[in-house]
Full PDB file with SEQRES, HELIX, SHEET, SSBOND, CRYST1, ORIGX, SCALE, CONECT and MASTER records, all heavy atoms in Angstrom:
SEQRES   1 A   33  VAL VAL ALA VAL PRO THR GLY ARG HIS MET ARG ALA ALA          
SEQRES   2 A   33  LEU GLU GLU SER GLY PRO PHE ASP LEU ILE ILE LEU ASP          
SEQRES   3 A   33  LEU MET LEU PRO GLY GLU ASP                                  
HELIX    1 AA1 GLY A    7  SER A   17  1                                  11    
CRYST1    1.000    1.000    1.000  90.00  90.00  90.00 P 1           1          
ORIGX1      1.000000  0.000000  0.000000        0.00000                         
ORIGX2      0.000000  1.000000  0.000000        0.00000                         
ORIGX3      0.000000  0.000000  1.000000        0.00000                         
SCALE1      1.000000  0.000000  0.000000        0.00000                         
SCALE2      0.000000  1.000000  0.000000        0.00000                         
SCALE3      0.000000  0.000000  1.000000        0.00000                         
ATOM      1  N   VAL A   1     108.774  79.879 121.339  1.00  0.00           N  
ATOM      2  CA  VAL A   1     109.981  80.290 122.062  1.00  0.00           C  
ATOM      3  C   VAL A   1     111.084  80.721 121.103  1.00  0.00           C  
ATOM      4  O   VAL A   1     111.314  80.079 120.078  1.00  0.00           O  
ATOM      5  CB  VAL A   1     110.508  79.141 122.956  1.00  0.00           C  
ATOM      6  CG1 VAL A   1     111.803  79.554 123.658  1.00  0.00           C  
ATOM      7  CG2 VAL A   1     109.453  78.727 123.975  1.00  0.00           C  
ATOM      8  N   VAL A   2     111.747  81.824 121.461  1.00  0.00           N  
ATOM      9  CA  VAL A   2     113.006  82.224 120.832  1.00  0.00           C  
ATOM     10  C   VAL A   2     114.025  82.302 121.967  1.00  0.00           C  
ATOM     11  O   VAL A   2     113.758  82.903 123.008  1.00  0.00           O  
ATOM     12  CB  VAL A   2     112.887  83.592 120.130  1.00  0.00           C  
ATOM     13  CG1 VAL A   2     114.257  84.073 119.645  1.00  0.00           C  
ATOM     14  CG2 VAL A   2     111.902  83.511 118.971  1.00  0.00           C  
ATOM     15  N   ALA A   3     115.198  81.687 121.797  1.00  0.00           N  
ATOM     16  CA  ALA A   3     116.221  81.667 122.835  1.00  0.00           C  
ATOM     17  C   ALA A   3     117.530  82.241 122.298  1.00  0.00           C  
ATOM     18  O   ALA A   3     117.993  81.829 121.224  1.00  0.00           O  
ATOM     19  CB  ALA A   3     116.433  80.247 123.351  1.00  0.00           C  
ATOM     20  N   VAL A   4     118.122  83.182 123.041  1.00  0.00           N  
ATOM     21  CA  VAL A   4     119.353  83.855 122.612  1.00  0.00           C  
ATOM     22  C   VAL A   4     120.323  83.961 123.786  1.00  0.00           C  
ATOM     23  O   VAL A   4     119.916  83.879 124.949  1.00  0.00           O  
ATOM     24  CB  VAL A   4     119.049  85.264 122.047  1.00  0.00           C  
ATOM     25  CG1 VAL A   4     118.148  85.176 120.830  1.00  0.00           C  
ATOM     26  CG2 VAL A   4     118.416  86.146 123.118  1.00  0.00           C  
ATOM     27  N   PRO A   5     121.655  84.164 123.503  1.00  0.00           N  
ATOM     28  CA  PRO A   5     122.648  84.126 124.575  1.00  0.00           C  
ATOM     29  C   PRO A   5     123.063  85.473 125.176  1.00  0.00           C  
ATOM     30  O   PRO A   5     123.650  85.491 126.256  1.00  0.00           O  
ATOM     31  CB  PRO A   5     123.846  83.470 123.879  1.00  0.00           C  
ATOM     32  CG  PRO A   5     123.730  83.916 122.458  1.00  0.00           C  
ATOM     33  CD  PRO A   5     122.259  84.021 122.167  1.00  0.00           C  
ATOM     34  N   THR A   6     122.822  86.583 124.506  1.00  0.00           N  
ATOM     35  CA  THR A   6     123.344  87.872 124.990  1.00  0.00           C  
ATOM     36  C   THR A   6     122.333  88.998 124.783  1.00  0.00           C  
ATOM     37  O   THR A   6     121.328  88.836 124.087  1.00  0.00           O  
ATOM     38  CB  THR A   6     124.631  88.258 124.239  1.00  0.00           C  
ATOM     39  OG1 THR A   6     124.295  88.545 122.864  1.00  0.00           O  
ATOM     40  CG2 THR A   6     125.683  87.153 124.297  1.00  0.00           C  
ATOM     41  N   GLY A   7     122.663  90.150 125.389  1.00  0.00           N  
ATOM     42  CA  GLY A   7     121.819  91.322 125.216  1.00  0.00           C  
ATOM     43  C   GLY A   7     121.749  91.784 123.778  1.00  0.00           C  
ATOM     44  O   GLY A   7     120.702  92.245 123.311  1.00  0.00           O  
ATOM     45  N   ARG A   8     122.863  91.676 123.064  1.00  0.00           N  
ATOM     46  CA  ARG A   8     122.870  92.076 121.652  1.00  0.00           C  
ATOM     47  C   ARG A   8     121.894  91.216 120.846  1.00  0.00           C  
ATOM     48  O   ARG A   8     121.124  91.732 120.027  1.00  0.00           O  
ATOM     49  CB  ARG A   8     124.286  91.946 121.085  1.00  0.00           C  
ATOM     50  CG  ARG A   8     124.402  92.279 119.605  1.00  0.00           C  
ATOM     51  CD  ARG A   8     125.862  92.304 119.173  1.00  0.00           C  
ATOM     52  NE  ARG A   8     126.492  91.007 119.379  1.00  0.00           N  
ATOM     53  CZ  ARG A   8     126.435  89.992 118.504  1.00  0.00           C  
ATOM     54  NH1 ARG A   8     125.739  90.135 117.379  1.00  0.00           N  
ATOM     55  NH2 ARG A   8     127.064  88.854 118.739  1.00  0.00           N  
ATOM     56  N   HIS A   9     121.918  89.920 121.106  1.00  0.00           N  
ATOM     57  CA  HIS A   9     120.987  89.028 120.417  1.00  0.00           C  
ATOM     58  C   HIS A   9     119.542  89.276 120.865  1.00  0.00           C  
ATOM     59  O   HIS A   9     118.611  89.117 120.084  1.00  0.00           O  
ATOM     60  CB  HIS A   9     121.371  87.566 120.690  1.00  0.00           C  
ATOM     61  CG  HIS A   9     122.656  87.142 120.053  1.00  0.00           C  
ATOM     62  ND1 HIS A   9     123.871  87.232 120.693  1.00  0.00           N  
ATOM     63  CD2 HIS A   9     122.917  86.634 118.818  1.00  0.00           C  
ATOM     64  CE1 HIS A   9     124.821  86.784 119.889  1.00  0.00           C  
ATOM     65  NE2 HIS A   9     124.271  86.422 118.744  1.00  0.00           N  
ATOM     66  N   MET A  10     119.370  89.662 122.132  1.00  0.00           N  
ATOM     67  CA  MET A  10     118.030  89.968 122.620  1.00  0.00           C  
ATOM     68  C   MET A  10     117.422  91.123 121.838  1.00  0.00           C  
ATOM     69  O   MET A  10     116.258  91.050 121.417  1.00  0.00           O  
ATOM     70  CB  MET A  10     118.092  90.331 124.106  1.00  0.00           C  
ATOM     71  CG  MET A  10     116.740  90.701 124.713  1.00  0.00           C  
ATOM     72  SD  MET A  10     116.879  91.543 126.328  1.00  0.00           S  
ATOM     73  CE  MET A  10     117.306  93.220 125.758  1.00  0.00           C  
ATOM     74  N   ARG A  11     118.198  92.181 121.639  1.00  0.00           N  
ATOM     75  CA  ARG A  11     117.688  93.343 120.916  1.00  0.00           C  
ATOM     76  C   ARG A  11     117.317  92.981 119.481  1.00  0.00           C  
ATOM     77  O   ARG A  11     116.309  93.443 118.941  1.00  0.00           O  
ATOM     78  CB  ARG A  11     118.712  94.477 120.952  1.00  0.00           C  
ATOM     79  CG  ARG A  11     118.913  95.065 122.339  1.00  0.00           C  
ATOM     80  CD  ARG A  11     119.766  96.334 122.298  1.00  0.00           C  
ATOM     81  NE  ARG A  11     119.859  96.932 123.616  1.00  0.00           N  
ATOM     82  CZ  ARG A  11     120.793  96.643 124.508  1.00  0.00           C  
ATOM     83  NH1 ARG A  11     121.740  95.751 124.193  1.00  0.00           N  
ATOM     84  NH2 ARG A  11     120.816  97.224 125.688  1.00  0.00           N  
ATOM     85  N   ALA A  12     118.142  92.158 118.872  1.00  0.00           N  
ATOM     86  CA  ALA A  12     117.850  91.730 117.505  1.00  0.00           C  
ATOM     87  C   ALA A  12     116.569  90.905 117.462  1.00  0.00           C  
ATOM     88  O   ALA A  12     115.725  91.083 116.574  1.00  0.00           O  
ATOM     89  CB  ALA A  12     119.024  90.924 116.943  1.00  0.00           C  
ATOM     90  N   ALA A  13     116.400  90.016 118.436  1.00  0.00           N  
ATOM     91  CA  ALA A  13     115.191  89.185 118.469  1.00  0.00           C  
ATOM     92  C   ALA A  13     113.945  90.015 118.707  1.00  0.00           C  
ATOM     93  O   ALA A  13     112.883  89.754 118.130  1.00  0.00           O  
ATOM     94  CB  ALA A  13     115.336  88.121 119.564  1.00  0.00           C  
ATOM     95  N   LEU A  14     114.051  91.033 119.557  1.00  0.00           N  
ATOM     96  CA  LEU A  14     112.901  91.898 119.823  1.00  0.00           C  
ATOM     97  C   LEU A  14     112.427  92.590 118.550  1.00  0.00           C  
ATOM     98  O   LEU A  14     111.218  92.730 118.322  1.00  0.00           O  
ATOM     99  CB  LEU A  14     113.264  92.951 120.882  1.00  0.00           C  
ATOM    100  CG  LEU A  14     113.378  92.449 122.322  1.00  0.00           C  
ATOM    101  CD1 LEU A  14     114.027  93.502 123.204  1.00  0.00           C  
ATOM    102  CD2 LEU A  14     112.012  92.054 122.873  1.00  0.00           C  
ATOM    103  N   GLU A  15     113.366  92.995 117.730  1.00  0.00           N  
ATOM    104  CA  GLU A  15     113.015  93.694 116.493  1.00  0.00           C  
ATOM    105  C   GLU A  15     112.576  92.741 115.383  1.00  0.00           C  
ATOM    106  O   GLU A  15     111.676  93.056 114.608  1.00  0.00           O  
ATOM    107  CB  GLU A  15     114.213  94.530 116.016  1.00  0.00           C  
ATOM    108  CG  GLU A  15     114.610  95.647 116.959  1.00  0.00           C  
ATOM    109  CD  GLU A  15     113.490  96.640 117.189  1.00  0.00           C  
ATOM    110  OE1 GLU A  15     112.753  96.967 116.236  1.00  0.00           O  
ATOM    111  OE2 GLU A  15     113.321  97.092 118.343  1.00  0.00           O  
ATOM    112  N   GLU A  16     113.205  91.574 115.326  1.00  0.00           N  
ATOM    113  CA  GLU A  16     112.971  90.665 114.202  1.00  0.00           C  
ATOM    114  C   GLU A  16     111.897  89.614 114.463  1.00  0.00           C  
ATOM    115  O   GLU A  16     111.202  89.186 113.535  1.00  0.00           O  
ATOM    116  CB  GLU A  16     114.285  89.958 113.836  1.00  0.00           C  
ATOM    117  CG  GLU A  16     115.390  90.914 113.364  1.00  0.00           C  
ATOM    118  CD  GLU A  16     116.738  90.234 113.260  1.00  0.00           C  
ATOM    119  OE1 GLU A  16     116.783  88.988 113.416  1.00  0.00           O  
ATOM    120  OE2 GLU A  16     117.752  90.933 113.056  1.00  0.00           O  
ATOM    121  N   SER A  17     111.750  89.186 115.723  1.00  0.00           N  
ATOM    122  CA  SER A  17     110.860  88.061 116.021  1.00  0.00           C  
ATOM    123  C   SER A  17     109.707  88.411 116.946  1.00  0.00           C  
ATOM    124  O   SER A  17     108.879  87.557 117.242  1.00  0.00           O  
ATOM    125  CB  SER A  17     111.667  86.908 116.653  1.00  0.00           C  
ATOM    126  OG  SER A  17     112.755  86.540 115.843  1.00  0.00           O  
ATOM    127  N   GLY A  18     109.666  89.647 117.440  1.00  0.00           N  
ATOM    128  CA  GLY A  18     108.622  90.052 118.385  1.00  0.00           C  
ATOM    129  C   GLY A  18     107.296  90.273 117.684  1.00  0.00           C  
ATOM    130  O   GLY A  18     107.173  90.067 116.476  1.00  0.00           O  
ATOM    131  N   PRO A  19     106.251  90.672 118.440  1.00  0.00           N  
ATOM    132  CA  PRO A  19     106.321  90.966 119.876  1.00  0.00           C  
ATOM    133  C   PRO A  19     106.321  89.704 120.719  1.00  0.00           C  
ATOM    134  O   PRO A  19     105.904  88.642 120.269  1.00  0.00           O  
ATOM    135  CB  PRO A  19     105.043  91.784 120.109  1.00  0.00           C  
ATOM    136  CG  PRO A  19     104.087  91.263 119.080  1.00  0.00           C  
ATOM    137  CD  PRO A  19     104.917  90.949 117.867  1.00  0.00           C  
ATOM    138  N   PHE A  20     106.803  89.866 121.971  1.00  0.00           N  
ATOM    139  CA  PHE A  20     106.842  88.755 122.909  1.00  0.00           C  
ATOM    140  C   PHE A  20     105.884  89.034 124.061  1.00  0.00           C  
ATOM    141  O   PHE A  20     105.663  90.177 124.444  1.00  0.00           O  
ATOM    142  CB  PHE A  20     108.265  88.558 123.448  1.00  0.00           C  
ATOM    143  CG  PHE A  20     109.225  88.063 122.404  1.00  0.00           C  
ATOM    144  CD1 PHE A  20     110.007  88.960 121.683  1.00  0.00           C  
ATOM    145  CD2 PHE A  20     109.348  86.711 122.135  1.00  0.00           C  
ATOM    146  CE1 PHE A  20     110.893  88.515 120.711  1.00  0.00           C  
ATOM    147  CE2 PHE A  20     110.231  86.248 121.167  1.00  0.00           C  
ATOM    148  CZ  PHE A  20     111.001  87.151 120.448  1.00  0.00           C  
ATOM    149  N   ASP A  21     105.355  87.956 124.623  1.00  0.00           N  
ATOM    150  CA  ASP A  21     104.435  88.080 125.749  1.00  0.00           C  
ATOM    151  C   ASP A  21     105.175  88.109 127.079  1.00  0.00           C  
ATOM    152  O   ASP A  21     104.633  88.577 128.081  1.00  0.00           O  
ATOM    153  CB  ASP A  21     103.435  86.929 125.742  1.00  0.00           C  
ATOM    154  CG  ASP A  21     102.535  86.978 124.521  1.00  0.00           C  
ATOM    155  OD1 ASP A  21     101.669  87.863 124.464  1.00  0.00           O  
ATOM    156  OD2 ASP A  21     102.723  86.146 123.613  1.00  0.00           O  
ATOM    157  N   LEU A  22     106.415  87.612 127.088  1.00  0.00           N  
ATOM    158  CA  LEU A  22     107.226  87.630 128.304  1.00  0.00           C  
ATOM    159  C   LEU A  22     108.682  87.385 127.933  1.00  0.00           C  
ATOM    160  O   LEU A  22     108.976  86.665 126.978  1.00  0.00           O  
ATOM    161  CB  LEU A  22     106.748  86.565 129.295  1.00  0.00           C  
ATOM    162  CG  LEU A  22     107.484  86.479 130.630  1.00  0.00           C  
ATOM    163  CD1 LEU A  22     106.492  86.266 131.798  1.00  0.00           C  
ATOM    164  CD2 LEU A  22     108.497  85.317 130.623  1.00  0.00           C  
ATOM    165  N   ILE A  23     109.587  87.984 128.719  1.00  0.00           N  
ATOM    166  CA  ILE A  23     111.026  87.784 128.528  1.00  0.00           C  
ATOM    167  C   ILE A  23     111.586  87.098 129.767  1.00  0.00           C  
ATOM    168  O   ILE A  23     111.400  87.577 130.892  1.00  0.00           O  
ATOM    169  CB  ILE A  23     111.758  89.120 128.296  1.00  0.00           C  
ATOM    170  CG1 ILE A  23     111.223  89.809 127.040  1.00  0.00           C  
ATOM    171  CG2 ILE A  23     113.270  88.894 128.180  1.00  0.00           C  
ATOM    172  CD1 ILE A  23     111.743  91.220 126.843  1.00  0.00           C  
ATOM    173  N   ILE A  24     112.260  85.956 129.567  1.00  0.00           N  
ATOM    174  CA  ILE A  24     113.012  85.289 130.633  1.00  0.00           C  
ATOM    175  C   ILE A  24     114.449  85.780 130.520  1.00  0.00           C  
ATOM    176  O   ILE A  24     115.107  85.551 129.505  1.00  0.00           O  
ATOM    177  CB  ILE A  24     112.941  83.763 130.487  1.00  0.00           C  
ATOM    178  CG1 ILE A  24     111.486  83.282 130.606  1.00  0.00           C  
ATOM    179  CG2 ILE A  24     113.818  83.082 131.538  1.00  0.00           C  
ATOM    180  CD1 ILE A  24     111.301  81.803 130.278  1.00  0.00           C  
ATOM    181  N   LEU A  25     114.930  86.486 131.542  1.00  0.00           N  
ATOM    182  CA  LEU A  25     116.200  87.202 131.437  1.00  0.00           C  
ATOM    183  C   LEU A  25     117.159  86.761 132.539  1.00  0.00           C  
ATOM    184  O   LEU A  25     116.857  86.898 133.738  1.00  0.00           O  
ATOM    185  CB  LEU A  25     115.928  88.709 131.545  1.00  0.00           C  
ATOM    186  CG  LEU A  25     117.108  89.669 131.443  1.00  0.00           C  
ATOM    187  CD1 LEU A  25     117.819  89.529 130.106  1.00  0.00           C  
ATOM    188  CD2 LEU A  25     116.625  91.108 131.643  1.00  0.00           C  
ATOM    189  N   ASP A  26     118.320  86.225 132.151  1.00  0.00           N  
ATOM    190  CA  ASP A  26     119.315  85.803 133.128  1.00  0.00           C  
ATOM    191  C   ASP A  26     120.037  87.020 133.690  1.00  0.00           C  
ATOM    192  O   ASP A  26     120.353  87.969 132.961  1.00  0.00           O  
ATOM    193  CB  ASP A  26     120.319  84.856 132.456  1.00  0.00           C  
ATOM    194  CG  ASP A  26     121.294  84.251 133.450  1.00  0.00           C  
ATOM    195  OD1 ASP A  26     120.918  84.078 134.624  1.00  0.00           O  
ATOM    196  OD2 ASP A  26     122.436  83.958 133.063  1.00  0.00           O  
ATOM    197  N   LEU A  27     120.297  87.013 134.997  1.00  0.00           N  
ATOM    198  CA  LEU A  27     120.988  88.141 135.625  1.00  0.00           C  
ATOM    199  C   LEU A  27     122.447  88.221 135.196  1.00  0.00           C  
ATOM    200  O   LEU A  27     122.957  89.284 134.863  1.00  0.00           O  
ATOM    201  CB  LEU A  27     120.897  88.004 137.151  1.00  0.00           C  
ATOM    202  CG  LEU A  27     121.624  89.065 137.972  1.00  0.00           C  
ATOM    203  CD1 LEU A  27     120.993  90.426 137.774  1.00  0.00           C  
ATOM    204  CD2 LEU A  27     121.630  88.692 139.444  1.00  0.00           C  
ATOM    205  N   MET A  28     123.128  87.063 135.183  1.00  0.00           N  
ATOM    206  CA  MET A  28     124.563  87.041 134.886  1.00  0.00           C  
ATOM    207  C   MET A  28     124.785  86.717 133.417  1.00  0.00           C  
ATOM    208  O   MET A  28     124.742  85.555 133.011  1.00  0.00           O  
ATOM    209  CB  MET A  28     125.257  86.007 135.772  1.00  0.00           C  
ATOM    210  CG  MET A  28     125.055  86.239 137.266  1.00  0.00           C  
ATOM    211  SD  MET A  28     125.716  87.834 137.812  1.00  0.00           S  
ATOM    212  CE  MET A  28     127.477  87.521 137.671  1.00  0.00           C  
ATOM    213  N   LEU A  29     125.024  87.741 132.626  1.00  0.00           N  
ATOM    214  CA  LEU A  29     125.263  87.583 131.198  1.00  0.00           C  
ATOM    215  C   LEU A  29     126.602  88.210 130.830  1.00  0.00           C  
ATOM    216  O   LEU A  29     127.043  89.166 131.471  1.00  0.00           O  
ATOM    217  CB  LEU A  29     124.154  88.279 130.390  1.00  0.00           C  
ATOM    218  CG  LEU A  29     122.753  87.670 130.433  1.00  0.00           C  
ATOM    219  CD1 LEU A  29     121.749  88.623 129.797  1.00  0.00           C  
ATOM    220  CD2 LEU A  29     122.739  86.329 129.711  1.00  0.00           C  
ATOM    221  N   PRO A  30     127.263  87.709 129.795  1.00  0.00           N  
ATOM    222  CA  PRO A  30     128.495  88.357 129.329  1.00  0.00           C  
ATOM    223  C   PRO A  30     128.172  89.718 128.712  1.00  0.00           C  
ATOM    224  O   PRO A  30     127.127  89.899 128.089  1.00  0.00           O  
ATOM    225  CB  PRO A  30     129.017  87.375 128.270  1.00  0.00           C  
ATOM    226  CG  PRO A  30     127.803  86.643 127.797  1.00  0.00           C  
ATOM    227  CD  PRO A  30     126.907  86.530 128.994  1.00  0.00           C  
ATOM    228  N   GLY A  31     129.047  90.681 128.918  1.00  0.00           N  
ATOM    229  CA  GLY A  31     128.773  92.029 128.402  1.00  0.00           C  
ATOM    230  C   GLY A  31     127.771  92.729 129.294  1.00  0.00           C  
ATOM    231  O   GLY A  31     127.987  92.862 130.502  1.00  0.00           O  
ATOM    232  N   GLU A  32     126.656  93.149 128.736  1.00  0.00           N  
ATOM    233  CA  GLU A  32     125.610  93.793 129.530  1.00  0.00           C  
ATOM    234  C   GLU A  32     124.905  92.750 130.400  1.00  0.00           C  
ATOM    235  O   GLU A  32     124.434  91.738 129.883  1.00  0.00           O  
ATOM    236  CB  GLU A  32     124.582  94.452 128.615  1.00  0.00           C  
ATOM    237  CG  GLU A  32     125.130  95.590 127.767  1.00  0.00           C  
ATOM    238  CD  GLU A  32     124.083  96.137 126.816  1.00  0.00           C  
ATOM    239  OE1 GLU A  32     123.781  95.433 125.830  1.00  0.00           O  
ATOM    240  OE2 GLU A  32     123.565  97.235 127.067  1.00  0.00           O  
ATOM    241  N   ASP A  33     124.829  93.005 131.693  1.00  0.00           N  
ATOM    242  CA  ASP A  33     124.186  92.024 132.559  1.00  0.00           C  
ATOM    243  C   ASP A  33     122.671  92.201 132.547  1.00  0.00           C  
ATOM    244  O   ASP A  33     122.128  93.135 131.950  1.00  0.00           O  
ATOM    245  CB  ASP A  33     124.739  92.090 133.981  1.00  0.00           C  
ATOM    246  CG  ASP A  33     124.458  93.424 134.666  1.00  0.00           C  
ATOM    247  OD1 ASP A  33     123.547  94.156 134.233  1.00  0.00           O  
ATOM    248  OD2 ASP A  33     125.149  93.725 135.653  1.00  0.00           O  
TER     249      ASP A  33                                                      
MASTER        0    0    0    1    0    0    0    6  248    1    0    3          
END                                                                             
């Protein structure tokens, strides 16, 4: 598991820690929802 708080961190994790088999994505996020 990799856990991050925002879309910006998500993009960084996708590039640095991927590939991922599934993304758990919260609807209500600060900035980009």
